[in-house]
């Protein structure tokens, strides 16, 4: 299975276009995949949007960090989840 880990911090405007493009490419590969979004304590609606996407797409997972740890820590948390 292919796992894609994406750290997120206040990316509300970019999440839906990213999801649409990424899933189109991954579906074209014809192999199983998962996408792990790691919300690094966003203060916008990023987590809400991700939570809604998870309800409609079982290939998605969301990890929510309790405070902003930075991109490296977010990636590490996503790798652990994957």
N, C-alpha and C. Protein backbone atom coordinates (compact mmCIF):
# COMPACT_ATOMS: atom_id res chain seq x y z
N UNK A 1 0.84 -1.18 0.00
CA UNK A 1 0.00 0.00 0.00
C UNK A 1 0.88 1.24 0.00
N UNK A 2 0.49 2.20 -0.79
CA UNK A 2 1.17 3.49 -0.85
C UNK A 2 0.57 4.40 0.21
N UNK A 3 1.43 5.03 1.02
CA UNK A 3 0.98 5.98 2.03
C UNK A 3 1.55 7.36 1.71
N UNK A 4 0.68 8.35 1.71
CA UNK A 4 1.09 9.74 1.49
C UNK A 4 0.81 10.50 2.78
N UNK A 5 1.84 11.15 3.33
CA UNK A 5 1.70 11.90 4.58
C UNK A 5 1.82 13.38 4.26
N UNK A 6 0.84 14.14 4.75
CA UNK A 6 0.79 15.57 4.45
C UNK A 6 0.61 16.35 5.75
N UNK A 7 1.63 17.13 6.14
CA UNK A 7 1.46 18.01 7.30
C UNK A 7 0.61 19.22 6.92
N UNK A 8 -0.24 19.65 7.83
CA UNK A 8 -1.17 20.74 7.57
C UNK A 8 -1.12 21.73 8.73
N UNK A 9 -0.96 23.00 8.39
CA UNK A 9 -1.09 24.06 9.41
C UNK A 9 -1.73 25.27 8.74
N UNK A 10 -2.98 25.50 9.08
CA UNK A 10 -3.75 26.63 8.54
C UNK A 10 -3.76 26.63 7.01
N UNK A 11 -4.21 25.53 6.45
CA UNK A 11 -4.25 25.36 4.99
C UNK A 11 -5.68 25.22 4.47
N UNK A 12 -6.61 25.82 5.15
CA UNK A 12 -8.03 25.68 4.81
C UNK A 12 -8.31 25.87 3.32
N UNK A 13 -7.78 26.90 2.72
CA UNK A 13 -8.07 27.21 1.32
C UNK A 13 -7.48 26.20 0.35
N UNK A 14 -6.39 25.55 0.74
CA UNK A 14 -5.69 24.64 -0.18
C UNK A 14 -6.12 23.18 -0.05
N UNK A 15 -6.82 22.83 1.00
CA UNK A 15 -7.08 21.41 1.27
C UNK A 15 -7.96 20.72 0.23
N UNK A 16 -9.07 21.32 -0.13
CA UNK A 16 -9.96 20.66 -1.09
C UNK A 16 -9.33 20.53 -2.47
N UNK A 17 -8.68 21.59 -3.00
CA UNK A 17 -7.99 21.41 -4.29
C UNK A 17 -6.88 20.35 -4.21
N UNK A 18 -6.14 20.32 -3.11
CA UNK A 18 -5.10 19.31 -2.94
C UNK A 18 -5.70 17.91 -2.92
N UNK A 19 -6.75 17.74 -2.15
CA UNK A 19 -7.41 16.44 -2.07
C UNK A 19 -7.91 15.99 -3.44
N UNK A 20 -8.56 16.88 -4.16
CA UNK A 20 -9.09 16.53 -5.49
C UNK A 20 -7.98 16.10 -6.44
N UNK A 21 -6.91 16.87 -6.51
CA UNK A 21 -5.81 16.54 -7.43
C UNK A 21 -5.07 15.28 -7.01
N UNK A 22 -4.81 15.18 -5.72
CA UNK A 22 -4.07 14.03 -5.21
C UNK A 22 -4.83 12.73 -5.41
N UNK A 23 -6.11 12.72 -5.08
CA UNK A 23 -6.87 11.48 -5.25
C UNK A 23 -7.02 11.11 -6.72
N UNK A 24 -7.12 12.09 -7.60
CA UNK A 24 -7.20 11.79 -9.02
C UNK A 24 -5.93 11.08 -9.49
N UNK A 25 -4.78 11.57 -9.05
CA UNK A 25 -3.52 10.95 -9.44
C UNK A 25 -3.38 9.56 -8.81
N UNK A 26 -3.68 9.46 -7.52
CA UNK A 26 -3.52 8.17 -6.82
C UNK A 26 -4.47 7.11 -7.37
N UNK A 27 -5.70 7.49 -7.69
CA UNK A 27 -6.63 6.53 -8.27
C UNK A 27 -6.14 6.05 -9.64
N UNK A 28 -5.46 6.92 -10.37
CA UNK A 28 -4.93 6.56 -11.67
C UNK A 28 -3.80 5.54 -11.60
N UNK A 29 -3.19 5.40 -10.43
CA UNK A 29 -2.11 4.42 -10.28
C UNK A 29 -2.62 2.99 -10.23
N UNK A 30 -3.88 2.83 -9.85
CA UNK A 30 -4.47 1.50 -9.82
C UNK A 30 -3.93 0.59 -8.73
N UNK A 31 -3.49 1.18 -7.64
CA UNK A 31 -3.04 0.37 -6.50
C UNK A 31 -3.59 0.97 -5.21
N UNK A 32 -3.64 0.17 -4.14
CA UNK A 32 -4.20 0.69 -2.89
C UNK A 32 -3.34 1.82 -2.31
N UNK A 33 -4.02 2.77 -1.70
CA UNK A 33 -3.31 3.89 -1.09
C UNK A 33 -4.08 4.42 0.11
N UNK A 34 -3.36 5.21 0.89
CA UNK A 34 -3.97 5.95 1.99
C UNK A 34 -3.32 7.33 2.02
N UNK A 35 -4.05 8.30 2.52
CA UNK A 35 -3.52 9.64 2.70
C UNK A 35 -3.69 9.98 4.17
N UNK A 36 -2.58 10.32 4.80
CA UNK A 36 -2.58 10.68 6.22
C UNK A 36 -2.30 12.17 6.32
N UNK A 37 -3.30 12.92 6.72
CA UNK A 37 -3.13 14.35 6.98
C UNK A 37 -2.80 14.52 8.45
N UNK A 38 -1.82 15.35 8.74
CA UNK A 38 -1.47 15.64 10.14
C UNK A 38 -1.72 17.12 10.37
N UNK A 39 -2.76 17.40 11.17
CA UNK A 39 -3.11 18.78 11.49
C UNK A 39 -2.25 19.24 12.65
N UNK A 40 -1.35 20.17 12.36
CA UNK A 40 -0.40 20.66 13.36
C UNK A 40 -0.99 21.87 14.09
N UNK A 41 -2.10 21.62 14.78
CA UNK A 41 -2.78 22.62 15.61
C UNK A 41 -3.22 23.85 14.81
N UNK A 42 -3.87 23.62 13.69
CA UNK A 42 -4.38 24.72 12.88
C UNK A 42 -5.40 25.54 13.66
N UNK A 43 -5.42 26.83 13.39
CA UNK A 43 -6.39 27.70 14.05
C UNK A 43 -7.51 28.11 13.10
N UNK A 44 -7.43 27.68 11.84
CA UNK A 44 -8.51 27.93 10.90
C UNK A 44 -9.42 26.69 10.85
N UNK A 45 -10.15 26.50 9.78
CA UNK A 45 -11.08 25.37 9.68
C UNK A 45 -10.45 24.13 9.04
N UNK A 46 -9.14 24.06 9.00
CA UNK A 46 -8.47 22.92 8.36
C UNK A 46 -8.92 21.59 8.95
N UNK A 47 -8.92 21.47 10.26
CA UNK A 47 -9.30 20.20 10.88
C UNK A 47 -10.75 19.84 10.57
N UNK A 48 -11.64 20.81 10.60
CA UNK A 48 -13.05 20.55 10.29
C UNK A 48 -13.21 20.01 8.87
N UNK A 49 -12.52 20.63 7.93
CA UNK A 49 -12.59 20.16 6.54
C UNK A 49 -12.05 18.74 6.41
N UNK A 50 -10.94 18.47 7.07
CA UNK A 50 -10.36 17.12 7.03
C UNK A 50 -11.29 16.10 7.67
N UNK A 51 -11.89 16.47 8.79
CA UNK A 51 -12.82 15.56 9.47
C UNK A 51 -14.00 15.22 8.55
N UNK A 52 -14.48 16.19 7.80
CA UNK A 52 -15.58 15.94 6.86
C UNK A 52 -15.13 15.05 5.72
N UNK A 53 -13.92 15.24 5.22
CA UNK A 53 -13.40 14.40 4.14
C UNK A 53 -13.25 12.95 4.60
N UNK A 54 -12.80 12.76 5.82
CA UNK A 54 -12.62 11.40 6.35
C UNK A 54 -13.95 10.64 6.37
N UNK A 55 -15.02 11.35 6.63
CA UNK A 55 -16.34 10.71 6.67
C UNK A 55 -16.77 10.22 5.30
N UNK A 56 -16.25 10.80 4.23
CA UNK A 56 -16.66 10.43 2.88
C UNK A 56 -15.64 9.56 2.15
N UNK A 57 -14.42 9.47 2.68
CA UNK A 57 -13.37 8.71 2.01
C UNK A 57 -12.60 7.89 3.03
N UNK A 58 -12.80 6.59 3.01
CA UNK A 58 -12.18 5.69 3.99
C UNK A 58 -10.67 5.56 3.81
N UNK A 59 -10.15 6.06 2.70
CA UNK A 59 -8.70 5.98 2.47
C UNK A 59 -7.94 7.11 3.16
N UNK A 60 -8.67 8.01 3.79
CA UNK A 60 -8.05 9.14 4.48
C UNK A 60 -8.01 8.91 5.97
N UNK A 61 -6.94 9.43 6.58
CA UNK A 61 -6.85 9.46 8.03
C UNK A 61 -6.34 10.82 8.44
N UNK A 62 -6.73 11.24 9.62
CA UNK A 62 -6.30 12.54 10.13
C UNK A 62 -5.74 12.36 11.53
N UNK A 63 -4.56 12.89 11.74
CA UNK A 63 -3.94 12.95 13.06
C UNK A 63 -3.99 14.42 13.46
N UNK A 64 -4.44 14.67 14.68
CA UNK A 64 -4.52 16.05 15.15
C UNK A 64 -3.56 16.24 16.32
N UNK A 65 -2.59 17.11 16.14
CA UNK A 65 -1.64 17.40 17.22
C UNK A 65 -2.23 18.45 18.15
N UNK A 66 -1.99 18.30 19.43
CA UNK A 66 -2.64 19.18 20.42
C UNK A 66 -2.07 20.59 20.45
N UNK A 67 -0.85 20.75 19.95
CA UNK A 67 -0.27 22.09 19.81
C UNK A 67 0.63 22.07 18.59
N UNK A 68 1.10 23.22 18.18
CA UNK A 68 1.95 23.32 17.00
C UNK A 68 3.35 22.84 17.33
N UNK A 69 3.71 21.69 16.74
CA UNK A 69 5.03 21.11 16.97
C UNK A 69 5.99 21.37 15.81
N UNK A 70 5.48 21.83 14.69
CA UNK A 70 6.32 22.08 13.52
C UNK A 70 6.24 20.96 12.50
N UNK A 71 6.75 21.26 11.31
CA UNK A 71 6.62 20.34 10.18
C UNK A 71 7.32 19.00 10.40
N UNK A 72 8.51 19.01 10.97
CA UNK A 72 9.25 17.76 11.16
C UNK A 72 8.51 16.83 12.11
N UNK A 73 8.00 17.36 13.20
CA UNK A 73 7.25 16.55 14.16
C UNK A 73 5.95 16.07 13.54
N UNK A 74 5.30 16.91 12.75
CA UNK A 74 4.06 16.51 12.09
C UNK A 74 4.32 15.36 11.11
N UNK A 75 5.39 15.47 10.34
CA UNK A 75 5.73 14.38 9.43
C UNK A 75 6.03 13.08 10.20
N UNK A 76 6.76 13.20 11.27
CA UNK A 76 7.09 12.02 12.09
C UNK A 76 5.81 11.36 12.63
N UNK A 77 4.87 12.17 13.10
CA UNK A 77 3.60 11.63 13.60
C UNK A 77 2.84 10.94 12.46
N UNK A 78 2.87 11.52 11.28
CA UNK A 78 2.21 10.92 10.14
C UNK A 78 2.87 9.60 9.72
N UNK A 79 4.20 9.56 9.74
CA UNK A 79 4.91 8.32 9.41
C UNK A 79 4.56 7.22 10.42
N UNK A 80 4.48 7.60 11.69
CA UNK A 80 4.09 6.61 12.71
C UNK A 80 2.69 6.08 12.45
N UNK A 81 1.79 6.95 12.06
CA UNK A 81 0.41 6.54 11.78
C UNK A 81 0.34 5.66 10.54
N UNK A 82 1.15 5.97 9.55
CA UNK A 82 1.15 5.19 8.31
C UNK A 82 1.72 3.81 8.57
